[in-house]
Amino acid sequence: MDLSLSNVEREQSAGAFSIDLVAEDDSGGLVIIENQLEKSDHDHLGKVVTYLTSLEARAAVWIVAEPRPEHVRAISWLNESSSGSFYLVKVEAIRIGESPAAPLLTLITGPSAEAVEAGEKKKELVERQVARKKFWTGLLAAAKEKTRLHAGISPGYYNWVGTSAGLPAGLNLNYAVRQHDAQAELYIDRDKEDGEGNLEIFNKLHAHREQIENDFGGPLEWEALEGKRACRIRSTVAVGGWKDEATWPAAHERMIDAMIRLEKALRPHLDGI
């Protein structure tokens, strides 16, 4: 355990509570220490968090005789999610020969660079999901003013939203968004086995590429997605993505326009599939 402590004081007050030990680390930061010479429990876990926040301590050490697995996970989560450092330490009594019993302290879990990195990654993923849902909320609201294609769809956290819009099963008209661009696409995933049926549909549409792109009003990206089961035909909107909130209204307008034109251009060729 990479923690050096000094100036230890007993039974320090934290509001109406009393902390077993309070010490200082090498840089003068406070460290609270809670002793529980039995199996870890929720009550002491709550005390550890309460004491650390009450004193605005830099770290907390929880010494127990038997750490429960759920409390090991809780301490690991705290190290990923908070600005404080938490240590869970197991204490055992050992004796060598006829010598007096002595404590053996074993670190069960504590802060690490990996835990901090994992915590930051989780925060990034949450922020991404929140931003994407906000992006879809605005898009779907704007889309309802111009088309009924996605009128029954609710915003979610994924990087796409889609609907079959009355097309044959396995064919979806999807909106997709990345960090700095977005797409309107036909996603072909009707054949759930080896994907040969998907490629067959794709090739039938590709045979009418010139007419479809002429009706769409511009070039499309035709992706057989080699090595994958599905295929797609899409139009990329390079105005901005979920990270570019200032451009969302313009991106939404372009995406909706592309979707309306894409569905109109493809529909005559899909009705016979």
C-alpha atoms as a PDB file:
ATOM      1  CA  MET A   1       0.000   0.000   0.000  1.00  0.00           C
ATOM      2  CA  ASP A   2       1.707   3.213  -1.209  1.00  0.00           C
ATOM      3  CA  LEU A   3       0.537   5.319   1.726  1.00  0.00           C
ATOM      4  CA  SER A   4       2.813   6.719   4.442  1.00  0.00           C
ATOM      5  CA  LEU A   5       1.001   8.051   7.518  1.00  0.00           C
ATOM      6  CA  SER A   6       2.020  10.237  10.443  1.00  0.00           C
ATOM      7  CA  ASN A   7       0.524  12.422  13.197  1.00  0.00           C
ATOM      8  CA  VAL A   8      -2.135   9.861  14.032  1.00  0.00           C
ATOM      9  CA  GLU A   9      -4.945  11.044  16.317  1.00  0.00           C
ATOM     10  CA  ARG A  10      -7.663   8.891  17.902  1.00  0.00           C
ATOM     11  CA  GLU A  11     -11.434   9.404  18.110  1.00  0.00           C
ATOM     12  CA  GLN A  12     -11.707  12.580  16.053  1.00  0.00           C
ATOM     13  CA  SER A  13     -15.117  14.213  15.769  1.00  0.00           C
ATOM     14  CA  ALA A  14     -17.028  14.365  12.487  1.00  0.00           C
ATOM     15  CA  GLY A  15     -20.289  16.069  13.387  1.00  0.00           C
ATOM     16  CA  ALA A  16     -22.207  13.661  15.639  1.00  0.00           C
ATOM     17  CA  PHE A  17     -19.800  10.814  14.801  1.00  0.00           C
ATOM     18  CA  SER A  18     -16.414   9.790  16.104  1.00  0.00           C
ATOM     19  CA  ILE A  19     -13.670   8.614  13.721  1.00  0.00           C
ATOM     20  CA  ASP A  20     -11.398   5.821  14.930  1.00  0.00           C
ATOM     21  CA  LEU A  21      -8.165   7.358  13.610  1.00  0.00           C
ATOM     22  CA  VAL A  22      -7.194  10.445  11.612  1.00  0.00           C
ATOM     23  CA  ALA A  23      -3.687  10.760  10.179  1.00  0.00           C
ATOM     24  CA  GLU A  24      -1.744  12.767   7.591  1.00  0.00           C
ATOM     25  CA  ASP A  25      -0.084  11.543   4.427  1.00  0.00           C
ATOM     26  CA  ASP A  26       3.310  12.727   3.160  1.00  0.00           C
ATOM     27  CA  SER A  27       1.829  15.886   1.645  1.00  0.00           C
ATOM     28  CA  GLY A  28      -0.238  16.815   4.686  1.00  0.00           C
ATOM     29  CA  GLY A  29      -3.564  15.552   3.404  1.00  0.00           C
ATOM     30  CA  LEU A  30      -5.972  14.034   5.901  1.00  0.00           C
ATOM     31  CA  VAL A  31      -6.525  10.266   5.926  1.00  0.00           C
ATOM     32  CA  ILE A  32      -9.336   8.714   7.949  1.00  0.00           C
ATOM     33  CA  ILE A  33      -9.014   5.149   9.268  1.00  0.00           C
ATOM     34  CA  GLU A  34     -11.993   3.028  10.283  1.00  0.00           C
ATOM     35  CA  ASN A  35     -11.364  -0.230  12.146  1.00  0.00           C
ATOM     36  CA  GLN A  36     -13.840  -3.114  12.045  1.00  0.00           C
ATOM     37  CA  LEU A  37     -12.420  -6.278  13.548  1.00  0.00           C
ATOM     38  CA  GLU A  38     -15.177  -8.441  12.083  1.00  0.00           C
ATOM     39  CA  LYS A  39     -16.895  -9.078   8.746  1.00  0.00           C
ATOM     40  CA  SER A  40     -17.396  -5.873   6.737  1.00  0.00           C
ATOM     41  CA  ASP A  41     -20.903  -4.425   6.747  1.00  0.00           C
ATOM     42  CA  HIS A  42     -22.934  -1.640   5.131  1.00  0.00           C
ATOM     43  CA  ASP A  43     -22.929   0.456   8.293  1.00  0.00           C
ATOM     44  CA  HIS A  44     -19.152   0.817   8.324  1.00  0.00           C
ATOM     45  CA  LEU A  45     -19.015   1.396   4.562  1.00  0.00           C
ATOM     46  CA  GLY A  46     -21.381   4.318   5.086  1.00  0.00           C
ATOM     47  CA  LYS A  47     -19.187   5.606   7.908  1.00  0.00           C
ATOM     48  CA  VAL A  48     -16.083   5.489   5.722  1.00  0.00           C
ATOM     49  CA  VAL A  49     -17.737   7.622   3.020  1.00  0.00           C
ATOM     50  CA  THR A  50     -19.350   9.974   5.551  1.00  0.00           C
ATOM     51  CA  TYR A  51     -16.107  10.570   7.458  1.00  0.00           C
ATOM     52  CA  LEU A  52     -14.062  11.201   4.318  1.00  0.00           C
ATOM     53  CA  THR A  53     -16.537  13.797   3.015  1.00  0.00           C
ATOM     54  CA  SER A  54     -17.105  15.414   6.431  1.00  0.00           C
ATOM     55  CA  LEU A  55     -13.399  16.117   6.933  1.00  0.00           C
ATOM     56  CA  GLU A  56     -12.728  16.580   3.189  1.00  0.00           C
ATOM     57  CA  ALA A  57     -10.014  13.964   3.640  1.00  0.00           C
ATOM     58  CA  ARG A  58      -7.814  12.848   0.763  1.00  0.00           C
ATOM     59  CA  ALA A  59      -8.061   9.121   1.506  1.00  0.00           C
ATOM     60  CA  ALA A  60      -9.879   6.571   3.641  1.00  0.00           C
ATOM     61  CA  VAL A  61      -8.596   3.253   4.990  1.00  0.00           C
ATOM     62  CA  TRP A  62     -11.114   0.632   6.082  1.00  0.00           C
ATOM     63  CA  ILE A  63      -9.548  -2.213   8.082  1.00  0.00           C
ATOM     64  CA  VAL A  64     -11.701  -5.335   8.442  1.00  0.00           C
ATOM     65  CA  ALA A  65     -11.247  -8.920   9.547  1.00  0.00           C
ATOM     66  CA  GLU A  66     -13.275 -10.385   6.689  1.00  0.00           C
ATOM     67  CA  PRO A  67     -14.059  -8.285   3.587  1.00  0.00           C
ATOM     68  CA  ARG A  68     -17.321  -9.213   1.861  1.00  0.00           C
ATOM     69  CA  PRO A  69     -17.115  -9.431  -1.968  1.00  0.00           C
ATOM     70  CA  GLU A  70     -19.807  -6.774  -2.395  1.00  0.00           C
ATOM     71  CA  HIS A  71     -17.799  -4.333  -0.268  1.00  0.00           C
ATOM     72  CA  VAL A  72     -14.636  -5.057  -2.256  1.00  0.00           C
ATOM     73  CA  ARG A  73     -16.588  -4.114  -5.398  1.00  0.00           C
ATOM     74  CA  ALA A  74     -17.990  -1.023  -3.685  1.00  0.00           C
ATOM     75  CA  ILE A  75     -14.522   0.250  -2.759  1.00  0.00           C
ATOM     76  CA  SER A  76     -13.269  -0.441  -6.270  1.00  0.00           C
ATOM     77  CA  TRP A  77     -16.215   1.533  -7.663  1.00  0.00           C
ATOM     78  CA  LEU A  78     -15.532   4.446  -5.313  1.00  0.00           C
ATOM     79  CA  ASN A  79     -11.940   4.605  -6.533  1.00  0.00           C
ATOM     80  CA  GLU A  80     -13.197   4.776 -10.120  1.00  0.00           C
ATOM     81  CA  SER A  81     -15.934   7.319  -9.451  1.00  0.00           C
ATOM     82  CA  SER A  82     -14.747   9.794  -6.826  1.00  0.00           C
ATOM     83  CA  SER A  83     -11.914  12.209  -6.160  1.00  0.00           C
ATOM     84  CA  GLY A  84     -11.011  10.480  -2.888  1.00  0.00           C
ATOM     85  CA  SER A  85      -8.820   7.391  -2.487  1.00  0.00           C
ATOM     86  CA  PHE A  86     -10.233   4.349  -0.693  1.00  0.00           C
ATOM     87  CA  TYR A  87      -8.308   1.387   0.728  1.00  0.00           C
ATOM     88  CA  LEU A  88      -9.844  -1.849   1.952  1.00  0.00           C
ATOM     89  CA  VAL A  89      -7.408  -3.710   4.192  1.00  0.00           C
ATOM     90  CA  LYS A  90      -7.767  -7.144   5.760  1.00  0.00           C
ATOM     91  CA  VAL A  91      -6.322  -7.640   9.252  1.00  0.00           C
ATOM     92  CA  GLU A  92      -5.241 -11.036  10.613  1.00  0.00           C
ATOM     93  CA  ALA A  93      -3.401 -12.106  13.750  1.00  0.00           C
ATOM     94  CA  ILE A  94      -0.270 -14.172  13.216  1.00  0.00           C
ATOM     95  CA  ARG A  95       2.183 -15.807  15.592  1.00  0.00           C
ATOM     96  CA  ILE A  96       5.629 -17.207  14.909  1.00  0.00           C
ATOM     97  CA  GLY A  97       6.532 -19.918  17.407  1.00  0.00           C
ATOM     98  CA  GLU A  98       5.894 -18.673  20.929  1.00  0.00           C
ATOM     99  CA  SER A  99       6.068 -14.985  20.003  1.00  0.00           C
ATOM    100  CA  PRO A 100       3.204 -12.638  20.893  1.00  0.00           C
ATOM    101  CA  ALA A 101       0.452 -12.365  18.281  1.00  0.00           C
ATOM    102  CA  ALA A 102       0.978  -9.572  15.762  1.00  0.00           C
ATOM    103  CA  PRO A 103      -1.312  -8.015  13.147  1.00  0.00           C
ATOM    104  CA  LEU A 104      -0.857  -8.844   9.454  1.00  0.00           C
ATOM    105  CA  LEU A 105      -2.400  -6.224   7.156  1.00  0.00           C
ATOM    106  CA  THR A 106      -3.196  -7.220   3.560  1.00  0.00           C
ATOM    107  CA  LEU A 107      -4.404  -4.708   0.983  1.00  0.00           C
ATOM    108  CA  ILE A 108      -7.541  -6.097  -0.683  1.00  0.00           C
ATOM    109  CA  THR A 109      -8.223  -3.176  -3.000  1.00  0.00           C
ATOM    110  CA  GLY A 110      -7.105   0.421  -3.311  1.00  0.00           C
ATOM    111  CA  PRO A 111      -6.710   3.304  -5.751  1.00  0.00           C
ATOM    112  CA  SER A 112      -4.671   2.837  -8.902  1.00  0.00           C
ATOM    113  CA  ALA A 113      -3.981   4.577 -12.187  1.00  0.00           C
ATOM    114  CA  GLU A 114      -6.031   1.862 -13.886  1.00  0.00           C
ATOM    115  CA  ALA A 115      -9.026   2.547 -11.613  1.00  0.00           C
ATOM    116  CA  VAL A 116      -8.864   6.283 -12.302  1.00  0.00           C
ATOM    117  CA  GLU A 117      -8.593   5.636 -16.040  1.00  0.00           C
ATOM    118  CA  ALA A 118     -11.541   3.233 -15.901  1.00  0.00           C
ATOM    119  CA  GLY A 119     -13.570   5.816 -13.993  1.00  0.00           C
ATOM    120  CA  GLU A 120     -12.814   8.524 -16.540  1.00  0.00           C
ATOM    121  CA  LYS A 121     -13.781   6.171 -19.352  1.00  0.00           C
ATOM    122  CA  LYS A 122     -17.116   5.418 -17.689  1.00  0.00           C
ATOM    123  CA  LYS A 123     -17.811   9.136 -17.250  1.00  0.00           C
ATOM    124  CA  GLU A 124     -16.994   9.695 -20.918  1.00  0.00           C
ATOM    125  CA  LEU A 125     -19.404   6.944 -21.947  1.00  0.00           C
ATOM    126  CA  VAL A 126     -22.193   8.424 -19.808  1.00  0.00           C
ATOM    127  CA  GLU A 127     -21.585  11.901 -21.258  1.00  0.00           C
ATOM    128  CA  ARG A 128     -21.686  10.415 -24.770  1.00  0.00           C
ATOM    129  CA  GLN A 129     -24.991   8.667 -24.099  1.00  0.00           C
ATOM    130  CA  VAL A 130     -26.555  11.813 -22.636  1.00  0.00           C
ATOM    131  CA  ALA A 131     -25.402  13.898 -25.605  1.00  0.00           C
ATOM    132  CA  ARG A 132     -26.681  11.362 -28.129  1.00  0.00           C
ATOM    133  CA  LYS A 133     -30.112  11.195 -26.504  1.00  0.00           C
ATOM    134  CA  LYS A 134     -30.315  14.987 -26.575  1.00  0.00           C
ATOM    135  CA  PHE A 135     -29.255  14.920 -30.237  1.00  0.00           C
ATOM    136  CA  TRP A 136     -31.980  12.379 -31.121  1.00  0.00           C
ATOM    137  CA  THR A 137     -34.615  14.263 -29.146  1.00  0.00           C
ATOM    138  CA  GLY A 138     -34.022  17.357 -31.262  1.00  0.00           C
ATOM    139  CA  LEU A 139     -33.826  15.424 -34.527  1.00  0.00           C
ATOM    140  CA  LEU A 140     -37.021  13.424 -34.017  1.00  0.00           C
ATOM    141  CA  ALA A 141     -38.953  16.514 -32.938  1.00  0.00           C
ATOM    142  CA  ALA A 142     -37.830  18.361 -36.065  1.00  0.00           C
ATOM    143  CA  ALA A 143     -38.491  15.333 -38.283  1.00  0.00           C
ATOM    144  CA  LYS A 144     -42.151  15.134 -37.193  1.00  0.00           C
ATOM    145  CA  GLU A 145     -42.696  18.549 -38.763  1.00  0.00           C
ATOM    146  CA  LYS A 146     -41.729  17.221 -42.212  1.00  0.00           C
ATOM    147  CA  THR A 147     -42.350  13.457 -42.378  1.00  0.00           C
ATOM    148  CA  ARG A 148     -44.118  10.621 -40.564  1.00  0.00           C
ATOM    149  CA  LEU A 149     -41.319   8.134 -41.263  1.00  0.00           C
ATOM    150  CA  HIS A 150     -39.936   8.151 -37.703  1.00  0.00           C
ATOM    151  CA  ALA A 151     -42.970   9.565 -35.907  1.00  0.00           C
ATOM    152  CA  GLY A 152     -43.318   6.527 -33.630  1.00  0.00           C
ATOM    153  CA  ILE A 153     -39.665   6.386 -32.584  1.00  0.00           C
ATOM    154  CA  SER A 154     -38.411   7.513 -29.149  1.00  0.00           C
ATOM    155  CA  PRO A 155     -34.913   8.962 -28.608  1.00  0.00           C
ATOM    156  CA  GLY A 156     -32.386   6.563 -27.110  1.00  0.00           C
ATOM    157  CA  TYR A 157     -28.736   6.411 -26.069  1.00  0.00           C
ATOM    158  CA  TYR A 158     -27.318   4.499 -29.038  1.00  0.00           C
ATOM    159  CA  ASN A 159     -25.574   5.946 -32.077  1.00  0.00           C
ATOM    160  CA  TRP A 160     -28.589   5.203 -34.282  1.00  0.00           C
ATOM    161  CA  VAL A 161     -32.378   5.328 -34.395  1.00  0.00           C
ATOM    162  CA  GLY A 162     -34.427   3.623 -37.063  1.00  0.00           C
ATOM    163  CA  THR A 163     -37.715   2.300 -38.354  1.00  0.00           C
ATOM    164  CA  SER A 164     -38.937  -0.160 -40.969  1.00  0.00           C
ATOM    165  CA  ALA A 165     -41.510   2.433 -42.145  1.00  0.00           C
ATOM    166  CA  GLY A 166     -43.563  -0.297 -43.795  1.00  0.00           C
ATOM    167  CA  LEU A 167     -40.606  -1.807 -45.666  1.00  0.00           C
ATOM    168  CA  PRO A 168     -40.054  -5.586 -45.801  1.00  0.00           C
ATOM    169  CA  ALA A 169     -38.769  -7.115 -42.550  1.00  0.00           C
ATOM    170  CA  GLY A 170     -35.055  -6.593 -41.984  1.00  0.00           C
ATOM    171  CA  LEU A 171     -34.877  -3.366 -43.989  1.00  0.00           C
ATOM    172  CA  ASN A 172     -34.602  -0.254 -41.854  1.00  0.00           C
ATOM    173  CA  LEU A 173     -34.347   3.443 -42.552  1.00  0.00           C
ATOM    174  CA  ASN A 174     -31.820   4.551 -39.939  1.00  0.00           C
ATOM    175  CA  TYR A 175     -30.369   7.804 -38.759  1.00  0.00           C
ATOM    176  CA  ALA A 176     -26.845   7.383 -37.348  1.00  0.00           C
ATOM    177  CA  VAL A 177     -24.503   9.861 -35.670  1.00  0.00           C
ATOM    178  CA  ARG A 178     -20.799   9.925 -34.874  1.00  0.00           C
ATOM    179  CA  GLN A 179     -18.705  12.538 -33.109  1.00  0.00           C
ATOM    180  CA  HIS A 180     -18.496  14.957 -36.035  1.00  0.00           C
ATOM    181  CA  ASP A 181     -20.854  13.711 -38.751  1.00  0.00           C
ATOM    182  CA  ALA A 182     -24.128  11.862 -39.255  1.00  0.00           C
ATOM    183  CA  GLN A 183     -25.904   9.657 -41.790  1.00  0.00           C
ATOM    184  CA  ALA A 184     -29.262   8.781 -43.282  1.00  0.00           C
ATOM    185  CA  GLU A 185     -29.200   5.171 -44.481  1.00  0.00           C
ATOM    186  CA  LEU A 186     -31.011   2.061 -45.582  1.00  0.00           C
ATOM    187  CA  TYR A 187     -29.698  -0.773 -43.407  1.00  0.00           C
ATOM    188  CA  ILE A 188     -30.196  -4.253 -44.877  1.00  0.00           C
ATOM    189  CA  ASP A 189     -30.173  -7.078 -42.329  1.00  0.00           C
ATOM    190  CA  ARG A 190     -32.964  -9.406 -43.372  1.00  0.00           C
ATOM    191  CA  ASP A 191     -30.917 -12.612 -43.563  1.00  0.00           C
ATOM    192  CA  LYS A 192     -29.813 -13.427 -40.000  1.00  0.00           C
ATOM    193  CA  GLU A 193     -27.880 -16.550 -41.010  1.00  0.00           C
ATOM    194  CA  ASP A 194     -24.941 -16.059 -43.373  1.00  0.00           C
ATOM    195  CA  GLY A 195     -25.962 -12.699 -44.840  1.00  0.00           C
ATOM    196  CA  GLU A 196     -26.175 -13.966 -48.417  1.00  0.00           C
ATOM    197  CA  GLY A 197     -29.781 -12.795 -48.660  1.00  0.00           C
ATOM    198  CA  ASN A 198     -28.730  -9.308 -47.562  1.00  0.00           C
ATOM    199  CA  LEU A 199     -26.101  -9.140 -50.273  1.00  0.00           C
ATOM    200  CA  GLU A 200     -28.647 -10.325 -52.828  1.00  0.00           C
ATOM    201  CA  ILE A 201     -30.998  -7.440 -51.939  1.00  0.00           C
ATOM    202  CA  PHE A 202     -28.077  -5.017 -51.991  1.00  0.00           C
ATOM    203  CA  ASN A 203     -27.009  -6.175 -55.443  1.00  0.00           C
ATOM    204  CA  LYS A 204     -30.566  -5.864 -56.804  1.00  0.00           C
ATOM    205  CA  LEU A 205     -30.681  -2.269 -55.642  1.00  0.00           C
ATOM    206  CA  HIS A 206     -27.152  -1.604 -56.878  1.00  0.00           C
ATOM    207  CA  ALA A 207     -28.248  -2.668 -60.363  1.00  0.00           C
ATOM    208  CA  HIS A 208     -30.480   0.451 -60.328  1.00  0.00           C
ATOM    209  CA  ARG A 209     -27.815   2.693 -58.816  1.00  0.00           C
ATOM    210  CA  GLU A 210     -27.909   5.330 -61.530  1.00  0.00           C
ATOM    211  CA  GLN A 211     -31.668   5.770 -61.340  1.00  0.00           C
ATOM    212  CA  ILE A 212     -31.720   5.699 -57.508  1.00  0.00           C
ATOM    213  CA  GLU A 213     -28.990   8.334 -57.222  1.00  0.00           C
ATOM    214  CA  ASN A 214     -30.682  10.444 -59.873  1.00  0.00           C
ATOM    215  CA  ASP A 215     -33.961  10.318 -57.924  1.00  0.00           C
ATOM    216  CA  PHE A 216     -32.090  11.002 -54.676  1.00  0.00           C
ATOM    217  CA  GLY A 217     -30.378  14.028 -56.202  1.00  0.00           C
ATOM    218  CA  GLY A 218     -26.758  13.071 -55.642  1.00  0.00           C
ATOM    219  CA  PRO A 219     -24.280  10.249 -55.039  1.00  0.00           C
ATOM    220  CA  LEU A 220     -24.803   7.676 -52.293  1.00  0.00           C
ATOM    221  CA  GLU A 221     -22.376   5.427 -50.458  1.00  0.00           C
ATOM    222  CA  TRP A 222     -22.966   1.779 -51.379  1.00  0.00           C
ATOM    223  CA  GLU A 223     -21.430  -0.480 -48.727  1.00  0.00           C
ATOM    224  CA  ALA A 224     -21.665  -4.245 -48.976  1.00  0.00           C
ATOM    225  CA  LEU A 225     -19.731  -4.305 -45.650  1.00  0.00           C
ATOM    226  CA  GLU A 226     -17.427  -7.162 -46.568  1.00  0.00           C
ATOM    227  CA  GLY A 227     -16.893  -9.539 -43.675  1.00  0.00           C
ATOM    228  CA  LYS A 228     -20.126  -8.475 -41.991  1.00  0.00           C
ATOM    229  CA  ARG A 229     -23.643  -9.837 -42.293  1.00  0.00           C
ATOM    230  CA  ALA A 230     -25.461  -6.592 -43.114  1.00  0.00           C
ATOM    231  CA  CYS A 231     -25.226  -4.111 -46.002  1.00  0.00           C
ATOM    232  CA  ARG A 232     -26.203  -0.455 -46.272  1.00  0.00           C
ATOM    233  CA  ILE A 233     -26.787   2.450 -48.617  1.00  0.00           C
ATOM    234  CA  ARG A 234     -26.228   5.825 -47.024  1.00  0.00           C
ATOM    235  CA  SER A 235     -25.781   9.543 -47.358  1.00  0.00           C
ATOM    236  CA  THR A 236     -23.282  11.191 -45.002  1.00  0.00           C
ATOM    237  CA  VAL A 237     -24.073  14.607 -43.542  1.00  0.00           C
ATOM    238  CA  ALA A 238     -20.764  16.290 -42.720  1.00  0.00           C
ATOM    239  CA  VAL A 239     -22.239  19.304 -40.908  1.00  0.00           C
ATOM    240  CA  GLY A 240     -21.485  18.009 -37.410  1.00  0.00           C
ATOM    241  CA  GLY A 241     -22.072  15.187 -34.953  1.00  0.00           C
ATOM    242  CA  TRP A 242     -23.089  14.679 -31.338  1.00  0.00           C
ATOM    243  CA  LYS A 243     -20.030  16.569 -30.104  1.00  0.00           C
ATOM    244  CA  ASP A 244     -20.898  19.674 -32.147  1.00  0.00           C
ATOM    245  CA  GLU A 245     -24.019  20.944 -30.392  1.00  0.00           C
ATOM    246  CA  ALA A 246     -23.853  24.359 -32.051  1.00  0.00           C
ATOM    247  CA  THR A 247     -24.375  22.702 -35.454  1.00  0.00           C
ATOM    248  CA  TRP A 248     -27.199  20.374 -34.411  1.00  0.00           C
ATOM    249  CA  PRO A 249     -30.065  22.379 -35.988  1.00  0.00           C
ATOM    250  CA  ALA A 250     -28.274  22.476 -39.359  1.00  0.00           C
ATOM    251  CA  ALA A 251     -27.281  18.804 -39.095  1.00  0.00           C
ATOM    252  CA  HIS A 252     -30.854  17.804 -38.215  1.00  0.00           C
ATOM    253  CA  GLU A 253     -32.235  19.703 -41.205  1.00  0.00           C
ATOM    254  CA  ARG A 254     -29.779  18.066 -43.588  1.00  0.00           C
ATOM    255  CA  MET A 255     -30.357  14.599 -42.132  1.00  0.00           C
ATOM    256  CA  ILE A 256     -34.127  14.863 -42.403  1.00  0.00           C
ATOM    257  CA  ASP A 257     -33.903  16.130 -45.972  1.00  0.00           C
ATOM    258  CA  ALA A 258     -31.537  13.292 -46.899  1.00  0.00           C
ATOM    259  CA  MET A 259     -33.815  10.713 -45.273  1.00  0.00           C
ATOM    260  CA  ILE A 260     -36.906  11.932 -47.114  1.00  0.00           C
ATOM    261  CA  ARG A 261     -35.092  11.875 -50.463  1.00  0.00           C
ATOM    262  CA  LEU A 262     -33.484   8.485 -49.736  1.00  0.00           C
ATOM    263  CA  GLU A 263     -36.787   6.820 -48.863  1.00  0.00           C
ATOM    264  CA  LYS A 264     -38.472   8.320 -51.939  1.00  0.00           C
ATOM    265  CA  ALA A 265     -35.670   7.135 -54.234  1.00  0.00           C
ATOM    266  CA  LEU A 266     -35.531   3.591 -52.806  1.00  0.00           C
ATOM    267  CA  ARG A 267     -39.210   2.846 -52.156  1.00  0.00           C
ATOM    268  CA  PRO A 268     -40.169   1.841 -55.740  1.00  0.00           C
ATOM    269  CA  HIS A 269     -37.289  -0.651 -55.819  1.00  0.00           C
ATOM    270  CA  LEU A 270     -38.039  -2.086 -52.366  1.00  0.00           C
ATOM    271  CA  ASP A 271     -41.763  -2.717 -52.662  1.00  0.00           C
ATOM    272  CA  GLY A 272     -41.131  -5.735 -54.875  1.00  0.00           C
ATOM    273  CA  ILE A 273     -38.645  -7.422 -52.525  1.00  0.00           C
END
